[in-house]
Amino acid sequence: MANLDAGTDVDYSRQRQGNGLYFFVIEGSVEIAGTRLERRDALGLTPEGDNGDQVQVKALGQAEVLCIDVPLH
């Protein structure tokens, strides 16, 4: 879980190669891997996507985001 100030950019790295990532925006507004998300939005990313093992998370306003690193195999 991360509390982010507006304008903050962070890179999230997968905990294990091959895992999927599931992001849930608890509060605020963020852009994750080029997708804008608002309060209560979610985004799932697979390792086969264009994002590779690192995903950029940018807070567009004050935000609270949960990321779950999910084993897929």
Protein backbone atom coordinates (compact mmCIF):
# COMPACT_ATOMS: atom_id res chain seq x y z
CA MET A 1 0.00 0.00 0.00
CA ALA A 2 1.26 3.46 -0.83
CA ASN A 3 0.14 6.96 0.12
CA LEU A 4 1.26 9.29 -2.64
CA ASP A 5 1.40 13.07 -2.81
CA ALA A 6 0.17 14.77 -5.98
CA GLY A 7 2.81 14.68 -8.72
CA THR A 8 4.73 11.77 -7.19
CA ASP A 9 6.10 9.15 -9.61
CA VAL A 10 7.13 5.72 -8.37
CA ASP A 11 8.21 2.57 -10.17
CA TYR A 12 6.81 -0.67 -8.80
CA SER A 13 8.89 -3.79 -9.47
CA ARG A 14 7.34 -7.25 -9.53
CA GLN A 15 8.34 -9.28 -6.49
CA ARG A 16 8.78 -12.38 -8.63
CA GLN A 17 9.27 -12.75 -12.36
CA GLY A 18 6.08 -14.06 -13.98
CA ASN A 19 3.71 -12.63 -11.35
CA GLY A 20 0.67 -10.58 -12.29
CA LEU A 21 -0.03 -7.21 -10.66
CA TYR A 22 -3.38 -5.98 -9.40
CA PHE A 23 -3.69 -2.29 -8.47
CA PHE A 24 -6.67 -0.88 -6.54
CA VAL A 25 -7.11 2.85 -5.99
CA ILE A 26 -8.52 3.36 -2.51
CA GLU A 27 -8.59 7.17 -2.74
CA GLY A 28 -7.50 9.78 -5.24
CA SER A 29 -6.44 9.69 -8.86
CA VAL A 30 -3.43 7.98 -10.44
CA GLU A 31 -2.00 6.93 -13.77
CA ILE A 32 -0.62 3.39 -13.87
CA ALA A 33 1.15 2.06 -16.96
CA GLY A 34 -0.49 4.85 -18.99
CA THR A 35 -4.03 4.18 -17.71
CA ARG A 36 -5.85 6.80 -15.64
CA LEU A 37 -7.63 5.42 -12.56
CA GLU A 38 -9.92 7.12 -10.05
CA ARG A 39 -11.19 6.19 -6.59
CA ARG A 40 -12.32 2.52 -6.45
CA ASP A 41 -10.92 1.71 -9.91
CA ALA A 42 -8.68 -1.31 -10.40
CA LEU A 43 -6.20 -2.51 -12.99
CA GLY A 44 -4.72 -5.96 -13.53
CA LEU A 45 -1.46 -6.40 -15.45
CA THR A 46 0.07 -9.63 -16.69
CA PRO A 47 3.80 -10.13 -17.23
CA GLU A 48 3.16 -10.71 -20.95
CA GLY A 49 2.02 -7.08 -21.40
CA ASP A 50 4.15 -4.15 -22.53
CA ASN A 51 4.96 -3.11 -18.95
CA GLY A 52 7.75 -5.63 -18.28
CA ASP A 53 8.83 -6.15 -14.67
CA GLN A 54 8.52 -2.49 -13.66
CA VAL A 55 5.33 -0.41 -13.69
CA GLN A 56 5.18 3.38 -13.35
CA VAL A 57 2.62 4.78 -10.91
CA LYS A 58 1.99 8.54 -11.03
CA ALA A 59 -0.23 10.33 -8.50
CA LEU A 60 -2.42 12.90 -10.27
CA GLY A 61 -3.67 14.07 -6.88
CA GLN A 62 -3.28 12.89 -3.30
CA ALA A 63 -3.76 9.10 -3.61
CA GLU A 64 -3.79 5.84 -1.71
CA VAL A 65 -3.06 2.76 -3.82
CA LEU A 66 -2.91 -0.94 -3.03
CA CYS A 67 -0.83 -3.27 -5.20
CA ILE A 68 -1.07 -7.04 -4.97
CA ASP A 69 1.69 -9.11 -6.58
CA VAL A 70 -0.13 -12.29 -7.71
CA PRO A 71 1.53 -15.61 -8.59
CA LEU A 72 0.04 -16.79 -11.89
CA HIS A 73 1.66 -20.24 -12.09
